[in-house]
Amino acid sequence: MTPLMLRQLWSLIETTQATLLLNLDDGSLVQWLLRQFPAQHPLNSEETTLLRSYIHSRLTLIRDLAHHRLAL
């Protein structure tokens, strides 16, 4: 995964409503993020697999950040 992809993903997460990030179950959240991402950067199948795995490994962090944003 390229640094640009990582920046785009985290930018997408930061601009997504915190309530959406918190209300979706794990699978739905991963799918939603993957569907939003190609609008910024078309993905091939290898990139999609890497991104899916990365998002799964960061779900707790994504939700922690969303909780923090709601608390502010």
PDB file of N, CA and C in Angstrom:
ATOM      1  N   MET A   1       0.855  -1.172   0.000  1.00  0.00           N
ATOM      2  CA  MET A   1       0.000   0.000   0.000  1.00  0.00           C
ATOM      3  C   MET A   1       0.902   1.237   0.000  1.00  0.00           C
ATOM      4  N   THR A   2       0.544   2.180  -0.831  1.00  0.00           N
ATOM      5  CA  THR A   2       1.382   3.366  -0.972  1.00  0.00           C
ATOM      6  C   THR A   2       1.071   4.398   0.116  1.00  0.00           C
ATOM      7  N   PRO A   3       2.025   5.279   0.393  1.00  0.00           N
ATOM      8  CA  PRO A   3       1.757   6.365   1.349  1.00  0.00           C
ATOM      9  C   PRO A   3       0.563   7.227   0.927  1.00  0.00           C
ATOM     10  N   LEU A   4       0.405   7.432  -0.379  1.00  0.00           N
ATOM     11  CA  LEU A   4      -0.737   8.213  -0.864  1.00  0.00           C
ATOM     12  C   LEU A   4      -2.058   7.531  -0.514  1.00  0.00           C
ATOM     13  N   MET A   5      -2.119   6.222  -0.693  1.00  0.00           N
ATOM     14  CA  MET A   5      -3.339   5.485  -0.340  1.00  0.00           C
ATOM     15  C   MET A   5      -3.639   5.617   1.148  1.00  0.00           C
ATOM     16  N   LEU A   6      -2.612   5.516   1.976  1.00  0.00           N
ATOM     17  CA  LEU A   6      -2.810   5.650   3.427  1.00  0.00           C
ATOM     18  C   LEU A   6      -3.334   7.039   3.774  1.00  0.00           C
ATOM     19  N   ARG A   7      -2.739   8.059   3.179  1.00  0.00           N
ATOM     20  CA  ARG A   7      -3.209   9.431   3.438  1.00  0.00           C
ATOM     21  C   ARG A   7      -4.658   9.610   2.996  1.00  0.00           C
ATOM     22  N   GLN A   8      -4.997   9.063   1.825  1.00  0.00           N
ATOM     23  CA  GLN A   8      -6.365   9.186   1.323  1.00  0.00           C
ATOM     24  C   GLN A   8      -7.350   8.449   2.230  1.00  0.00           C
ATOM     25  N   LEU A   9      -6.976   7.271   2.689  1.00  0.00           N
ATOM     26  CA  LEU A   9      -7.855   6.516   3.581  1.00  0.00           C
ATOM     27  C   LEU A   9      -8.105   7.276   4.868  1.00  0.00           C
ATOM     28  N   TRP A  10      -7.039   7.756   5.505  1.00  0.00           N
ATOM     29  CA  TRP A  10      -7.218   8.447   6.783  1.00  0.00           C
ATOM     30  C   TRP A  10      -7.918   9.792   6.600  1.00  0.00           C
ATOM     31  N   SER A  11      -7.736  10.417   5.467  1.00  0.00           N
ATOM     32  CA  SER A  11      -8.484  11.635   5.180  1.00  0.00           C
ATOM     33  C   SER A  11      -9.973  11.315   5.050  1.00  0.00           C
ATOM     34  N   LEU A  12     -10.281  10.232   4.358  1.00  0.00           N
ATOM     35  CA  LEU A  12     -11.668   9.793   4.230  1.00  0.00           C
ATOM     36  C   LEU A  12     -12.274   9.515   5.597  1.00  0.00           C
ATOM     37  N   ILE A  13     -11.532   8.826   6.452  1.00  0.00           N
ATOM     38  CA  ILE A  13     -12.019   8.502   7.799  1.00  0.00           C
ATOM     39  C   ILE A  13     -12.267   9.779   8.596  1.00  0.00           C
ATOM     40  N   GLU A  14     -11.340  10.733   8.496  1.00  0.00           N
ATOM     41  CA  GLU A  14     -11.485  11.980   9.242  1.00  0.00           C
ATOM     42  C   GLU A  14     -12.652  12.832   8.762  1.00  0.00           C
ATOM     43  N   THR A  15     -13.009  12.723   7.495  1.00  0.00           N
ATOM     44  CA  THR A  15     -14.107  13.549   6.964  1.00  0.00           C
ATOM     45  C   THR A  15     -15.460  12.838   7.014  1.00  0.00           C
ATOM     46  N   THR A  16     -15.454  11.586   7.411  1.00  0.00           N
ATOM     47  CA  THR A  16     -16.702  10.831   7.530  1.00  0.00           C
ATOM     48  C   THR A  16     -17.332  11.127   8.886  1.00  0.00           C
ATOM     49  N   GLN A  17     -18.643  11.264   8.919  1.00  0.00           N
ATOM     50  CA  GLN A  17     -19.332  11.529  10.170  1.00  0.00           C
ATOM     51  C   GLN A  17     -19.006  10.442  11.187  1.00  0.00           C
ATOM     52  N   ALA A  18     -18.669  10.861  12.389  1.00  0.00           N
ATOM     53  CA  ALA A  18     -18.298   9.925  13.448  1.00  0.00           C
ATOM     54  C   ALA A  18     -19.429   8.945  13.749  1.00  0.00           C
ATOM     55  N   THR A  19     -20.660   9.411  13.697  1.00  0.00           N
ATOM     56  CA  THR A  19     -21.780   8.514  14.010  1.00  0.00           C
ATOM     57  C   THR A  19     -21.873   7.376  12.998  1.00  0.00           C
ATOM     58  N   LEU A  20     -21.573   7.653  11.747  1.00  0.00           N
ATOM     59  CA  LEU A  20     -21.579   6.598  10.735  1.00  0.00           C
ATOM     60  C   LEU A  20     -20.505   5.557  11.047  1.00  0.00           C
ATOM     61  N   LEU A  21     -19.306   6.024  11.386  1.00  0.00           N
ATOM     62  CA  LEU A  21     -18.213   5.109  11.714  1.00  0.00           C
ATOM     63  C   LEU A  21     -18.549   4.234  12.916  1.00  0.00           C
ATOM     64  N   LEU A  22     -19.320   4.768  13.837  1.00  0.00           N
ATOM     65  CA  LEU A  22     -19.650   4.024  15.051  1.00  0.00           C
ATOM     66  C   LEU A  22     -20.867   3.123  14.890  1.00  0.00           C
ATOM     67  N   ASN A  23     -21.776   3.482  14.010  1.00  0.00           N
ATOM     68  CA  ASN A  23     -23.033   2.735  13.900  1.00  0.00           C
ATOM     69  C   ASN A  23     -22.959   1.516  12.988  1.00  0.00           C
ATOM     70  N   LEU A  24     -22.000   1.482  12.077  1.00  0.00           N
ATOM     71  CA  LEU A  24     -21.877   0.331  11.181  1.00  0.00           C
ATOM     72  C   LEU A  24     -21.150  -0.809  11.880  1.00  0.00           C
ATOM     73  N   ASP A  25     -21.585  -2.051  11.618  1.00  0.00           N
ATOM     74  CA  ASP A  25     -20.837  -3.198  12.155  1.00  0.00           C
ATOM     75  C   ASP A  25     -19.528  -3.308  11.381  1.00  0.00           C
ATOM     76  N   ASP A  26     -18.628  -4.164  11.844  1.00  0.00           N
ATOM     77  CA  ASP A  26     -17.289  -4.259  11.266  1.00  0.00           C
ATOM     78  C   ASP A  26     -17.314  -4.487   9.755  1.00  0.00           C
ATOM     79  N   GLY A  27     -18.033  -5.494   9.319  1.00  0.00           N
ATOM     80  CA  GLY A  27     -18.074  -5.810   7.886  1.00  0.00           C
ATOM     81  C   GLY A  27     -18.650  -4.684   7.062  1.00  0.00           C
ATOM     82  N   SER A  28     -19.721  -4.074   7.557  1.00  0.00           N
ATOM     83  CA  SER A  28     -20.348  -2.970   6.830  1.00  0.00           C
ATOM     84  C   SER A  28     -19.440  -1.750   6.763  1.00  0.00           C
ATOM     85  N   LEU A  29     -18.715  -1.488   7.838  1.00  0.00           N
ATOM     86  CA  LEU A  29     -17.796  -0.353   7.852  1.00  0.00           C
ATOM     87  C   LEU A  29     -16.661  -0.560   6.847  1.00  0.00           C
ATOM     88  N   VAL A  30     -16.096  -1.748   6.826  1.00  0.00           N
ATOM     89  CA  VAL A  30     -15.027  -2.039   5.863  1.00  0.00           C
ATOM     90  C   VAL A  30     -15.547  -1.869   4.442  1.00  0.00           C
ATOM     91  N   GLN A  31     -16.721  -2.433   4.149  1.00  0.00           N
ATOM     92  CA  GLN A  31     -17.289  -2.331   2.809  1.00  0.00           C
ATOM     93  C   GLN A  31     -17.605  -0.885   2.438  1.00  0.00           C
ATOM     94  N   TRP A  32     -18.140  -0.126   3.383  1.00  0.00           N
ATOM     95  CA  TRP A  32     -18.479   1.263   3.109  1.00  0.00           C
ATOM     96  C   TRP A  32     -17.218   2.051   2.756  1.00  0.00           C
ATOM     97  N   LEU A  33     -16.158   1.879   3.549  1.00  0.00           N
ATOM     98  CA  LEU A  33     -14.905   2.588   3.279  1.00  0.00           C
ATOM     99  C   LEU A  33     -14.323   2.178   1.927  1.00  0.00           C
ATOM    100  N   LEU A  34     -14.382   0.888   1.622  1.00  0.00           N
ATOM    101  CA  LEU A  34     -13.869   0.431   0.327  1.00  0.00           C
ATOM    102  C   LEU A  34     -14.665   1.016  -0.834  1.00  0.00           C
ATOM    103  N   ARG A  35     -15.984   1.139  -0.669  1.00  0.00           N
ATOM    104  CA  ARG A  35     -16.814   1.713  -1.737  1.00  0.00           C
ATOM    105  C   ARG A  35     -16.530   3.203  -1.917  1.00  0.00           C
ATOM    106  N   GLN A  36     -16.212   3.899  -0.828  1.00  0.00           N
ATOM    107  CA  GLN A  36     -15.936   5.333  -0.921  1.00  0.00           C
ATOM    108  C   GLN A  36     -14.555   5.608  -1.494  1.00  0.00           C
ATOM    109  N   PHE A  37     -13.629   4.739  -1.224  1.00  0.00           N
ATOM    110  CA  PHE A  37     -12.235   4.969  -1.597  1.00  0.00           C
ATOM    111  C   PHE A  37     -12.016   5.067  -3.101  1.00  0.00           C
ATOM    112  N   PRO A  38     -12.571   4.187  -3.917  1.00  0.00           N
ATOM    113  CA  PRO A  38     -12.293   4.274  -5.355  1.00  0.00           C
ATOM    114  C   PRO A  38     -12.718   5.590  -5.996  1.00  0.00           C
ATOM    115  N   ALA A  39     -13.615   6.304  -5.375  1.00  0.00           N
ATOM    116  CA  ALA A  39     -13.997   7.603  -5.923  1.00  0.00           C
ATOM    117  C   ALA A  39     -12.784   8.536  -5.967  1.00  0.00           C
ATOM    118  N   GLN A  40     -11.857   8.330  -5.054  1.00  0.00           N
ATOM    119  CA  GLN A  40     -10.651   9.146  -5.005  1.00  0.00           C
ATOM    120  C   GLN A  40      -9.491   8.499  -5.748  1.00  0.00           C
ATOM    121  N   HIS A  41      -9.469   7.166  -5.776  1.00  0.00           N
ATOM    122  CA  HIS A  41      -8.332   6.436  -6.354  1.00  0.00           C
ATOM    123  C   HIS A  41      -8.797   5.042  -6.762  1.00  0.00           C
ATOM    124  N   PRO A  42      -8.966   4.787  -8.061  1.00  0.00           N
ATOM    125  CA  PRO A  42      -9.400   3.444  -8.486  1.00  0.00           C
ATOM    126  C   PRO A  42      -8.419   2.366  -8.012  1.00  0.00           C
ATOM    127  N   LEU A  43      -8.955   1.271  -7.480  1.00  0.00           N
ATOM    128  CA  LEU A  43      -8.128   0.202  -6.916  1.00  0.00           C
ATOM    129  C   LEU A  43      -8.163  -1.037  -7.795  1.00  0.00           C
ATOM    130  N   ASN A  44      -7.013  -1.692  -7.914  1.00  0.00           N
ATOM    131  CA  ASN A  44      -7.004  -3.003  -8.554  1.00  0.00           C
ATOM    132  C   ASN A  44      -7.298  -4.049  -7.480  1.00  0.00           C
ATOM    133  N   SER A  45      -7.402  -5.308  -7.839  1.00  0.00           N
ATOM    134  CA  SER A  45      -7.809  -6.342  -6.880  1.00  0.00           C
ATOM    135  C   SER A  45      -6.782  -6.519  -5.765  1.00  0.00           C
ATOM    136  N   GLU A  46      -5.494  -6.408  -6.071  1.00  0.00           N
ATOM    137  CA  GLU A  46      -4.457  -6.545  -5.036  1.00  0.00           C
ATOM    138  C   GLU A  46      -4.538  -5.399  -4.026  1.00  0.00           C
ATOM    139  N   GLU A  47      -4.728  -4.182  -4.532  1.00  0.00           N
ATOM    140  CA  GLU A  47      -4.857  -3.026  -3.647  1.00  0.00           C
ATOM    141  C   GLU A  47      -6.106  -3.137  -2.778  1.00  0.00           C
ATOM    142  N   THR A  48      -7.197  -3.626  -3.355  1.00  0.00           N
ATOM    143  CA  THR A  48      -8.429  -3.802  -2.593  1.00  0.00           C
ATOM    144  C   THR A  48      -8.217  -4.791  -1.453  1.00  0.00           C
ATOM    145  N   THR A  49      -7.545  -5.894  -1.731  1.00  0.00           N
ATOM    146  CA  THR A  49      -7.265  -6.897  -0.699  1.00  0.00           C
ATOM    147  C   THR A  49      -6.391  -6.305   0.401  1.00  0.00           C
ATOM    148  N   LEU A  50      -5.346  -5.581   0.026  1.00  0.00           N
ATOM    149  CA  LEU A  50      -4.467  -4.959   1.018  1.00  0.00           C
ATOM    150  C   LEU A  50      -5.217  -3.930   1.853  1.00  0.00           C
ATOM    151  N   LEU A  51      -6.018  -3.112   1.194  1.00  0.00           N
ATOM    152  CA  LEU A  51      -6.768  -2.076   1.903  1.00  0.00           C
ATOM    153  C   LEU A  51      -7.796  -2.698   2.844  1.00  0.00           C
ATOM    154  N   ARG A  52      -8.498  -3.741   2.398  1.00  0.00           N
ATOM    155  CA  ARG A  52      -9.473  -4.432   3.246  1.00  0.00           C
ATOM    156  C   ARG A  52      -8.782  -4.973   4.510  1.00  0.00           C
ATOM    157  N   SER A  53      -7.646  -5.611   4.344  1.00  0.00           N
ATOM    158  CA  SER A  53      -6.901  -6.153   5.468  1.00  0.00           C
ATOM    159  C   SER A  53      -6.439  -5.042   6.414  1.00  0.00           C
ATOM    160  N   TYR A  54      -5.943  -3.962   5.843  1.00  0.00           N
ATOM    161  CA  TYR A  54      -5.478  -2.837   6.654  1.00  0.00           C
ATOM    162  C   TYR A  54      -6.627  -2.235   7.464  1.00  0.00           C
ATOM    163  N   ILE A  55      -7.765  -2.012   6.816  1.00  0.00           N
ATOM    164  CA  ILE A  55      -8.917  -1.442   7.520  1.00  0.00           C
ATOM    165  C   ILE A  55      -9.352  -2.363   8.653  1.00  0.00           C
ATOM    166  N   HIS A  56      -9.444  -3.667   8.377  1.00  0.00           N
ATOM    167  CA  HIS A  56      -9.816  -4.620   9.427  1.00  0.00           C
ATOM    168  C   HIS A  56      -8.875  -4.516  10.617  1.00  0.00           C
ATOM    169  N   SER A  57      -7.597  -4.357  10.357  1.00  0.00           N
ATOM    170  CA  SER A  57      -6.618  -4.305  11.447  1.00  0.00           C
ATOM    171  C   SER A  57      -6.668  -2.990  12.213  1.00  0.00           C
ATOM    172  N   ARG A  58      -7.343  -1.979  11.660  1.00  0.00           N
ATOM    173  CA  ARG A  58      -7.410  -0.664  12.303  1.00  0.00           C
ATOM    174  C   ARG A  58      -8.816  -0.279  12.765  1.00  0.00           C
ATOM    175  N   LEU A  59      -9.757  -1.217  12.777  1.00  0.00           N
ATOM    176  CA  LEU A  59     -11.138  -0.883  13.146  1.00  0.00           C
ATOM    177  C   LEU A  59     -11.242  -0.291  14.549  1.00  0.00           C
ATOM    178  N   THR A  60     -10.496  -0.830  15.489  1.00  0.00           N
ATOM    179  CA  THR A  60     -10.544  -0.300  16.854  1.00  0.00           C
ATOM    180  C   THR A  60     -10.059   1.142  16.880  1.00  0.00           C
ATOM    181  N   LEU A  61      -8.970   1.436  16.192  1.00  0.00           N
ATOM    182  CA  LEU A  61      -8.450   2.798  16.122  1.00  0.00           C
ATOM    183  C   LEU A  61      -9.447   3.728  15.433  1.00  0.00           C
ATOM    184  N   ILE A  62     -10.040   3.279  14.346  1.00  0.00           N
ATOM    185  CA  ILE A  62     -11.025   4.092  13.634  1.00  0.00           C
ATOM    186  C   ILE A  62     -12.180   4.455  14.562  1.00  0.00           C
ATOM    187  N   ARG A  63     -12.663   3.490  15.297  1.00  0.00           N
ATOM    188  CA  ARG A  63     -13.791   3.756  16.211  1.00  0.00           C
ATOM    189  C   ARG A  63     -13.362   4.607  17.406  1.00  0.00           C
ATOM    190  N   ASP A  64     -12.151   4.398  17.907  1.00  0.00           N
ATOM    191  CA  ASP A  64     -11.649   5.249  18.999  1.00  0.00           C
ATOM    192  C   ASP A  64     -11.566   6.709  18.560  1.00  0.00           C
ATOM    193  N   LEU A  65     -11.078   6.945  17.358  1.00  0.00           N
ATOM    194  CA  LEU A  65     -11.007   8.312  16.842  1.00  0.00           C
ATOM    195  C   LEU A  65     -12.396   8.916  16.673  1.00  0.00           C
ATOM    196  N   ALA A  66     -13.345   8.118  16.210  1.00  0.00           N
ATOM    197  CA  ALA A  66     -14.720   8.605  16.054  1.00  0.00           C
ATOM    198  C   ALA A  66     -15.326   8.955  17.414  1.00  0.00           C
ATOM    199  N   HIS A  67     -15.099   8.114  18.421  1.00  0.00           N
ATOM    200  CA  HIS A  67     -15.582   8.417  19.783  1.00  0.00           C
ATOM    201  C   HIS A  67     -14.977   9.725  20.274  1.00  0.00           C
ATOM    202  N   HIS A  68     -13.698   9.892  20.041  1.00  0.00           N
ATOM    203  CA  HIS A  68     -13.013  11.117  20.475  1.00  0.00           C
ATOM    204  C   HIS A  68     -13.605  12.360  19.810  1.00  0.00           C
ATOM    205  N   ARG A  69     -13.890  12.253  18.508  1.00  0.00           N
ATOM    206  CA  ARG A  69     -14.488  13.391  17.790  1.00  0.00           C
ATOM    207  C   ARG A  69     -15.859  13.733  18.339  1.00  0.00           C
ATOM    208  N   LEU A  70     -16.634  12.728  18.708  1.00  0.00           N
ATOM    209  CA  LEU A  70     -17.956  13.002  19.287  1.00  0.00           C
ATOM    210  C   LEU A  70     -17.859  13.650  20.651  1.00  0.00           C
ATOM    211  N   ALA A  71     -16.802  13.312  21.386  1.00  0.00           N
ATOM    212  CA  ALA A  71     -16.637  13.844  22.742  1.00  0.00           C
ATOM    213  C   ALA A  71     -16.212  15.309  22.746  1.00  0.00           C
ATOM    214  N   LEU A  72     -15.689  15.774  21.621  1.00  0.00           N
ATOM    215  CA  LEU A  72     -15.209  17.175  21.573  1.00  0.00           C
ATOM    216  C   LEU A  72     -16.316  18.148  21.478  1.00  0.00           C
TER     217      LEU A  72
END
